[in-house]
């Protein structure tokens, strides 16, 4: 795996951590929806994740189809091109229902590739 992909995976996980930190202050969509600063911070980080996904090599993403690369990029497009039409209830659902699984999958993938890179450096 190219070093660039490892860097992107780390950045994706960093954005997820920020979203978790911001949204973790709220126990419901009703409370979340009352704080425009947090909503905008979460939406921004989701958009950044889509930008990062766009930089990944097509071979890399097709090798890991269990990660919703297209959905992440599609969400980015929706955010960038139609911010006024973004459904904040859906953003809340993504944060609560989809990000925990995505985080786990990305952590596993990053760990796999970091272990492979460590093994190669030890073989010298």
N, C-alpha and C. Protein backbone atom coordinates (compact mmCIF):
# COMPACT_ATOMS: atom_id res chain seq x y z
N UNK A 1 0.84 -1.17 0.00
CA UNK A 1 0.00 0.00 0.00
C UNK A 1 0.89 1.23 0.00
N UNK A 2 0.56 2.17 -0.81
CA UNK A 2 1.35 3.40 -0.86
C UNK A 2 1.19 4.17 0.44
N UNK A 3 2.24 4.86 0.79
CA UNK A 3 2.25 5.66 2.01
C UNK A 3 1.11 6.68 2.02
N UNK A 4 0.78 7.21 0.84
CA UNK A 4 -0.29 8.20 0.73
C UNK A 4 -1.61 7.65 1.27
N UNK A 5 -1.91 6.40 0.97
CA UNK A 5 -3.16 5.80 1.45
C UNK A 5 -3.18 5.70 2.97
N UNK A 6 -2.05 5.38 3.55
CA UNK A 6 -1.95 5.31 5.01
C UNK A 6 -2.21 6.68 5.62
N UNK A 7 -1.64 7.69 5.02
CA UNK A 7 -1.85 9.06 5.51
C UNK A 7 -3.32 9.44 5.42
N UNK A 8 -3.95 9.11 4.30
CA UNK A 8 -5.37 9.43 4.12
C UNK A 8 -6.23 8.69 5.13
N UNK A 9 -5.93 7.42 5.39
CA UNK A 9 -6.69 6.67 6.38
C UNK A 9 -6.58 7.33 7.76
N UNK A 10 -5.37 7.78 8.10
CA UNK A 10 -5.19 8.46 9.39
C UNK A 10 -6.01 9.75 9.45
N UNK A 11 -6.02 10.49 8.34
CA UNK A 11 -6.79 11.74 8.31
C UNK A 11 -8.28 11.47 8.41
N UNK A 12 -8.75 10.42 7.73
CA UNK A 12 -10.16 10.06 7.83
C UNK A 12 -10.53 9.77 9.28
N UNK A 13 -9.69 9.02 9.95
CA UNK A 13 -9.95 8.69 11.35
C UNK A 13 -9.90 9.94 12.24
N UNK A 14 -9.03 10.87 11.91
CA UNK A 14 -8.97 12.13 12.65
C UNK A 14 -10.27 12.92 12.51
N UNK A 15 -10.81 12.95 11.29
CA UNK A 15 -12.09 13.65 11.08
C UNK A 15 -13.22 12.97 11.84
N UNK A 16 -13.21 11.65 11.87
CA UNK A 16 -14.23 10.92 12.62
C UNK A 16 -14.11 11.25 14.11
N UNK A 17 -12.89 11.30 14.62
CA UNK A 17 -12.70 11.64 16.04
C UNK A 17 -13.24 13.02 16.37
N UNK A 18 -13.01 13.97 15.47
CA UNK A 18 -13.54 15.32 15.70
C UNK A 18 -15.07 15.31 15.72
N UNK A 19 -15.65 14.59 14.77
CA UNK A 19 -17.12 14.51 14.71
C UNK A 19 -17.66 13.86 15.99
N UNK A 20 -17.00 12.81 16.44
CA UNK A 20 -17.42 12.15 17.68
C UNK A 20 -17.34 13.11 18.87
N UNK A 21 -16.26 13.88 18.92
CA UNK A 21 -16.09 14.84 20.01
C UNK A 21 -17.20 15.89 19.99
N UNK A 22 -17.46 16.45 18.83
CA UNK A 22 -18.47 17.51 18.73
C UNK A 22 -19.87 16.97 18.99
N UNK A 23 -20.20 15.88 18.33
CA UNK A 23 -21.57 15.36 18.43
C UNK A 23 -21.82 14.64 19.75
N UNK A 24 -20.76 14.20 20.40
CA UNK A 24 -20.89 13.48 21.66
C UNK A 24 -21.47 14.32 22.78
N UNK A 25 -21.56 15.60 22.55
CA UNK A 25 -22.14 16.50 23.55
C UNK A 25 -23.66 16.39 23.61
N UNK A 26 -24.24 15.68 22.63
CA UNK A 26 -25.69 15.67 22.49
C UNK A 26 -26.23 14.25 22.53
N UNK A 27 -27.38 14.10 23.19
CA UNK A 27 -27.99 12.79 23.33
C UNK A 27 -29.15 12.56 22.37
N UNK A 28 -29.48 13.59 21.60
CA UNK A 28 -30.61 13.44 20.68
C UNK A 28 -30.46 14.41 19.52
N UNK A 29 -31.16 14.10 18.43
CA UNK A 29 -31.15 15.00 17.30
C UNK A 29 -31.74 16.35 17.69
N UNK A 30 -32.75 16.33 18.53
CA UNK A 30 -33.39 17.58 18.95
C UNK A 30 -32.37 18.54 19.56
N UNK A 31 -31.53 18.02 20.44
CA UNK A 31 -30.50 18.86 21.06
C UNK A 31 -29.40 19.23 20.07
N UNK A 32 -28.98 18.27 19.27
CA UNK A 32 -27.97 18.49 18.24
C UNK A 32 -28.42 19.59 17.28
N UNK A 33 -29.67 19.54 16.86
CA UNK A 33 -30.18 20.46 15.85
C UNK A 33 -30.27 21.90 16.33
N UNK A 34 -30.15 22.10 17.63
CA UNK A 34 -30.22 23.46 18.19
C UNK A 34 -28.86 24.16 18.19
N UNK A 35 -27.81 23.44 17.83
CA UNK A 35 -26.47 24.02 17.89
C UNK A 35 -25.86 24.09 16.49
N UNK A 36 -26.04 25.21 15.85
CA UNK A 36 -25.57 25.35 14.47
C UNK A 36 -24.05 25.26 14.35
N UNK A 37 -23.32 25.68 15.36
CA UNK A 37 -21.86 25.57 15.31
C UNK A 37 -21.42 24.11 15.23
N UNK A 38 -22.02 23.28 16.03
CA UNK A 38 -21.66 21.86 16.03
C UNK A 38 -22.10 21.20 14.73
N UNK A 39 -23.28 21.53 14.26
CA UNK A 39 -23.75 20.97 12.99
C UNK A 39 -22.78 21.33 11.88
N UNK A 40 -22.41 22.60 11.80
CA UNK A 40 -21.50 23.03 10.75
C UNK A 40 -20.13 22.38 10.88
N UNK A 41 -19.65 22.21 12.10
CA UNK A 41 -18.36 21.54 12.30
C UNK A 41 -18.43 20.08 11.85
N UNK A 42 -19.51 19.40 12.18
CA UNK A 42 -19.67 18.00 11.78
C UNK A 42 -19.80 17.87 10.27
N UNK A 43 -20.61 18.73 9.68
CA UNK A 43 -20.81 18.70 8.23
C UNK A 43 -19.50 19.01 7.51
N UNK A 44 -18.75 19.97 8.02
CA UNK A 44 -17.45 20.30 7.42
C UNK A 44 -16.54 19.07 7.43
N UNK A 45 -16.46 18.40 8.57
CA UNK A 45 -15.57 17.23 8.67
C UNK A 45 -16.04 16.10 7.77
N UNK A 46 -17.33 15.90 7.63
CA UNK A 46 -17.84 14.89 6.69
C UNK A 46 -17.47 15.26 5.26
N UNK A 47 -17.55 16.53 4.93
CA UNK A 47 -17.15 16.98 3.61
C UNK A 47 -15.67 16.75 3.36
N UNK A 48 -14.86 17.02 4.36
CA UNK A 48 -13.43 16.79 4.23
C UNK A 48 -13.11 15.31 4.02
N UNK A 49 -13.88 14.47 4.65
CA UNK A 49 -13.68 13.03 4.47
C UNK A 49 -13.93 12.65 3.01
N UNK A 50 -14.96 13.21 2.41
CA UNK A 50 -15.24 12.95 1.01
C UNK A 50 -14.12 13.42 0.10
N UNK A 51 -13.53 14.56 0.43
CA UNK A 51 -12.39 15.08 -0.33
C UNK A 51 -11.21 14.11 -0.25
N UNK A 52 -10.97 13.59 0.93
CA UNK A 52 -9.86 12.64 1.10
C UNK A 52 -10.09 11.37 0.31
N UNK A 53 -11.30 10.87 0.33
CA UNK A 53 -11.64 9.64 -0.40
C UNK A 53 -11.35 9.82 -1.88
N UNK A 54 -11.61 11.01 -2.38
CA UNK A 54 -11.38 11.30 -3.80
C UNK A 54 -9.90 11.13 -4.16
N UNK A 55 -9.02 11.30 -3.21
CA UNK A 55 -7.57 11.20 -3.47
C UNK A 55 -7.05 9.77 -3.46
N UNK A 56 -7.86 8.84 -2.97
CA UNK A 56 -7.41 7.45 -2.92
C UNK A 56 -7.38 6.83 -4.31
N UNK A 57 -6.42 5.99 -4.52
CA UNK A 57 -6.28 5.27 -5.78
C UNK A 57 -7.47 4.32 -5.98
N UNK A 58 -7.96 4.27 -7.21
CA UNK A 58 -9.11 3.40 -7.52
C UNK A 58 -8.84 1.94 -7.23
N UNK A 59 -7.63 1.50 -7.42
CA UNK A 59 -7.28 0.12 -7.09
C UNK A 59 -7.39 -0.16 -5.61
N UNK A 60 -7.00 0.83 -4.82
CA UNK A 60 -7.09 0.69 -3.37
C UNK A 60 -8.54 0.59 -2.93
N UNK A 61 -9.38 1.50 -3.41
CA UNK A 61 -10.77 1.49 -2.98
C UNK A 61 -11.50 0.24 -3.46
N UNK A 62 -11.20 -0.21 -4.68
CA UNK A 62 -11.86 -1.42 -5.17
C UNK A 62 -11.39 -2.66 -4.44
N UNK A 63 -10.22 -2.60 -3.83
CA UNK A 63 -9.72 -3.73 -3.03
C UNK A 63 -10.40 -3.82 -1.67
N UNK A 64 -11.12 -2.78 -1.31
CA UNK A 64 -11.78 -2.73 0.00
C UNK A 64 -13.23 -2.26 -0.18
N UNK A 65 -14.04 -3.08 -0.86
CA UNK A 65 -15.41 -2.67 -1.18
C UNK A 65 -16.35 -2.61 0.02
N UNK A 66 -15.94 -3.14 1.14
CA UNK A 66 -16.77 -3.13 2.35
C UNK A 66 -16.77 -1.75 3.03
N UNK A 67 -15.97 -0.84 2.52
CA UNK A 67 -15.97 0.53 3.01
C UNK A 67 -16.73 1.37 1.98
N UNK A 68 -17.68 2.17 2.43
CA UNK A 68 -18.56 2.90 1.50
C UNK A 68 -17.90 4.15 0.89
N UNK A 69 -16.85 3.93 0.11
CA UNK A 69 -16.11 5.04 -0.49
C UNK A 69 -17.02 5.96 -1.31
N UNK A 70 -17.85 5.36 -2.16
CA UNK A 70 -18.73 6.16 -3.02
C UNK A 70 -19.73 6.97 -2.20
N UNK A 71 -20.23 6.39 -1.13
CA UNK A 71 -21.18 7.11 -0.28
C UNK A 71 -20.51 8.31 0.39
N UNK A 72 -19.28 8.13 0.82
CA UNK A 72 -18.55 9.24 1.44
C UNK A 72 -18.34 10.37 0.44
N UNK A 73 -17.94 10.01 -0.77
CA UNK A 73 -17.74 11.04 -1.78
C UNK A 73 -19.07 11.65 -2.20
N UNK A 74 -20.10 10.85 -2.29
CA UNK A 74 -21.42 11.36 -2.64
C UNK A 74 -21.94 12.33 -1.59
N UNK A 75 -21.69 12.04 -0.33
CA UNK A 75 -22.10 12.95 0.74
C UNK A 75 -21.35 14.27 0.61
N UNK A 76 -20.07 14.18 0.29
CA UNK A 76 -19.27 15.38 0.07
C UNK A 76 -19.89 16.23 -1.04
N UNK A 77 -20.26 15.60 -2.13
CA UNK A 77 -20.88 16.34 -3.24
C UNK A 77 -22.17 17.01 -2.81
N UNK A 78 -22.95 16.31 -2.06
CA UNK A 78 -24.22 16.85 -1.58
C UNK A 78 -23.97 18.07 -0.69
N UNK A 79 -23.01 17.95 0.19
CA UNK A 79 -22.67 19.05 1.10
C UNK A 79 -22.16 20.26 0.32
N UNK A 80 -21.24 20.04 -0.58
CA UNK A 80 -20.60 21.13 -1.31
C UNK A 80 -21.55 21.81 -2.29
N UNK A 81 -22.32 21.01 -3.01
CA UNK A 81 -23.13 21.56 -4.10
C UNK A 81 -24.55 21.94 -3.69
N UNK A 82 -25.00 21.47 -2.54
CA UNK A 82 -26.37 21.77 -2.13
C UNK A 82 -26.47 21.87 -0.62
N UNK A 83 -25.61 22.71 -0.02
CA UNK A 83 -25.57 22.80 1.44
C UNK A 83 -26.94 23.13 2.02
N UNK A 84 -27.66 24.02 1.37
CA UNK A 84 -28.98 24.40 1.87
C UNK A 84 -29.95 23.23 1.87
N UNK A 85 -29.69 22.24 1.02
CA UNK A 85 -30.57 21.08 0.94
C UNK A 85 -30.13 19.91 1.80
N UNK A 86 -29.05 20.08 2.58
CA UNK A 86 -28.56 19.00 3.43
C UNK A 86 -29.56 18.74 4.54
N UNK A 87 -29.92 17.49 4.69
CA UNK A 87 -30.87 17.07 5.71
C UNK A 87 -30.10 16.80 7.00
N UNK A 88 -30.22 17.69 7.98
CA UNK A 88 -29.44 17.56 9.20
C UNK A 88 -29.87 16.37 10.04
N UNK A 89 -31.09 15.94 9.88
CA UNK A 89 -31.52 14.71 10.55
C UNK A 89 -30.74 13.52 9.99
N UNK A 90 -30.54 13.52 8.68
CA UNK A 90 -29.75 12.45 8.05
C UNK A 90 -28.29 12.52 8.50
N UNK A 91 -27.76 13.74 8.66
CA UNK A 91 -26.39 13.89 9.16
C UNK A 91 -26.28 13.27 10.55
N UNK A 92 -27.28 13.52 11.40
CA UNK A 92 -27.29 12.93 12.74
C UNK A 92 -27.30 11.40 12.66
N UNK A 93 -28.11 10.86 11.76
CA UNK A 93 -28.18 9.40 11.58
C UNK A 93 -26.83 8.85 11.12
N UNK A 94 -26.20 9.53 10.21
CA UNK A 94 -24.88 9.09 9.73
C UNK A 94 -23.89 9.07 10.89
N UNK A 95 -23.90 10.13 11.67
CA UNK A 95 -22.97 10.23 12.80
C UNK A 95 -23.22 9.11 13.81
N UNK A 96 -24.47 8.89 14.16
CA UNK A 96 -24.80 7.90 15.19
C UNK A 96 -24.80 6.45 14.68
N UNK A 97 -25.25 6.24 13.45
CA UNK A 97 -25.44 4.87 12.98
C UNK A 97 -24.31 4.35 12.08
N UNK A 98 -23.71 5.22 11.28
CA UNK A 98 -22.75 4.77 10.29
C UNK A 98 -21.29 4.99 10.68
N UNK A 99 -21.00 6.10 11.35
CA UNK A 99 -19.60 6.40 11.66
C UNK A 99 -18.93 5.40 12.60
N UNK A 100 -19.61 4.86 13.61
CA UNK A 100 -18.91 3.89 14.47
C UNK A 100 -18.40 2.67 13.69
N UNK A 101 -19.22 2.14 12.79
CA UNK A 101 -18.79 1.00 11.98
C UNK A 101 -17.68 1.40 11.01
N UNK A 102 -17.83 2.56 10.39
CA UNK A 102 -16.80 3.05 9.47
C UNK A 102 -15.48 3.22 10.20
N UNK A 103 -15.53 3.79 11.38
CA UNK A 103 -14.31 3.99 12.18
C UNK A 103 -13.62 2.66 12.46
N UNK A 104 -14.40 1.68 12.86
CA UNK A 104 -13.84 0.36 13.15
C UNK A 104 -13.18 -0.24 11.90
N UNK A 105 -13.85 -0.17 10.77
CA UNK A 105 -13.31 -0.73 9.53
C UNK A 105 -12.03 0.00 9.09
N UNK A 106 -12.04 1.32 9.22
CA UNK A 106 -10.85 2.08 8.84
C UNK A 106 -9.68 1.79 9.78
N UNK A 107 -9.97 1.65 11.07
CA UNK A 107 -8.91 1.32 12.03
C UNK A 107 -8.31 -0.05 11.71
N UNK A 108 -9.16 -1.01 11.39
CA UNK A 108 -8.67 -2.35 11.04
C UNK A 108 -7.83 -2.30 9.77
N UNK A 109 -8.28 -1.56 8.79
CA UNK A 109 -7.55 -1.45 7.53
C UNK A 109 -6.21 -0.76 7.74
N UNK A 110 -6.21 0.31 8.48
CA UNK A 110 -4.96 1.02 8.76
C UNK A 110 -3.99 0.13 9.53
N UNK A 111 -4.49 -0.58 10.52
CA UNK A 111 -3.66 -1.48 11.31
C UNK A 111 -3.04 -2.56 10.43
N UNK A 112 -3.84 -3.11 9.54
CA UNK A 112 -3.36 -4.15 8.62
C UNK A 112 -2.18 -3.63 7.80
N UNK A 113 -2.34 -2.45 7.22
CA UNK A 113 -1.29 -1.91 6.36
C UNK A 113 -0.09 -1.42 7.14
N UNK A 114 -0.30 -0.89 8.32
CA UNK A 114 0.84 -0.48 9.14
C UNK A 114 1.64 -1.70 9.57
N UNK A 115 0.95 -2.81 9.90
CA UNK A 115 1.65 -4.03 10.27
C UNK A 115 2.45 -4.59 9.10
N UNK A 116 1.86 -4.52 7.90
CA UNK A 116 2.58 -4.97 6.71
C UNK A 116 3.82 -4.12 6.46
N UNK A 117 3.68 -2.81 6.63
CA UNK A 117 4.83 -1.91 6.43
C UNK A 117 5.90 -2.18 7.48
N UNK A 118 5.50 -2.43 8.73
CA UNK A 118 6.46 -2.73 9.77
C UNK A 118 7.20 -4.02 9.46
N UNK A 119 6.48 -5.02 8.96
CA UNK A 119 7.10 -6.29 8.60
C UNK A 119 8.11 -6.15 7.50
N UNK A 120 7.81 -5.31 6.52
CA UNK A 120 8.75 -5.09 5.43
C UNK A 120 10.01 -4.40 5.91
N UNK A 121 9.86 -3.44 6.81
CA UNK A 121 11.04 -2.73 7.29
C UNK A 121 11.92 -3.62 8.18
N UNK A 122 11.30 -4.62 8.82
CA UNK A 122 12.06 -5.54 9.67
C UNK A 122 12.78 -6.61 8.87
N UNK A 123 12.39 -6.78 7.61
CA UNK A 123 13.00 -7.81 6.78
C UNK A 123 14.33 -7.39 6.19
N UNK A 124 14.72 -6.16 6.37
CA UNK A 124 15.93 -5.64 5.73
C UNK A 124 17.15 -6.17 6.42
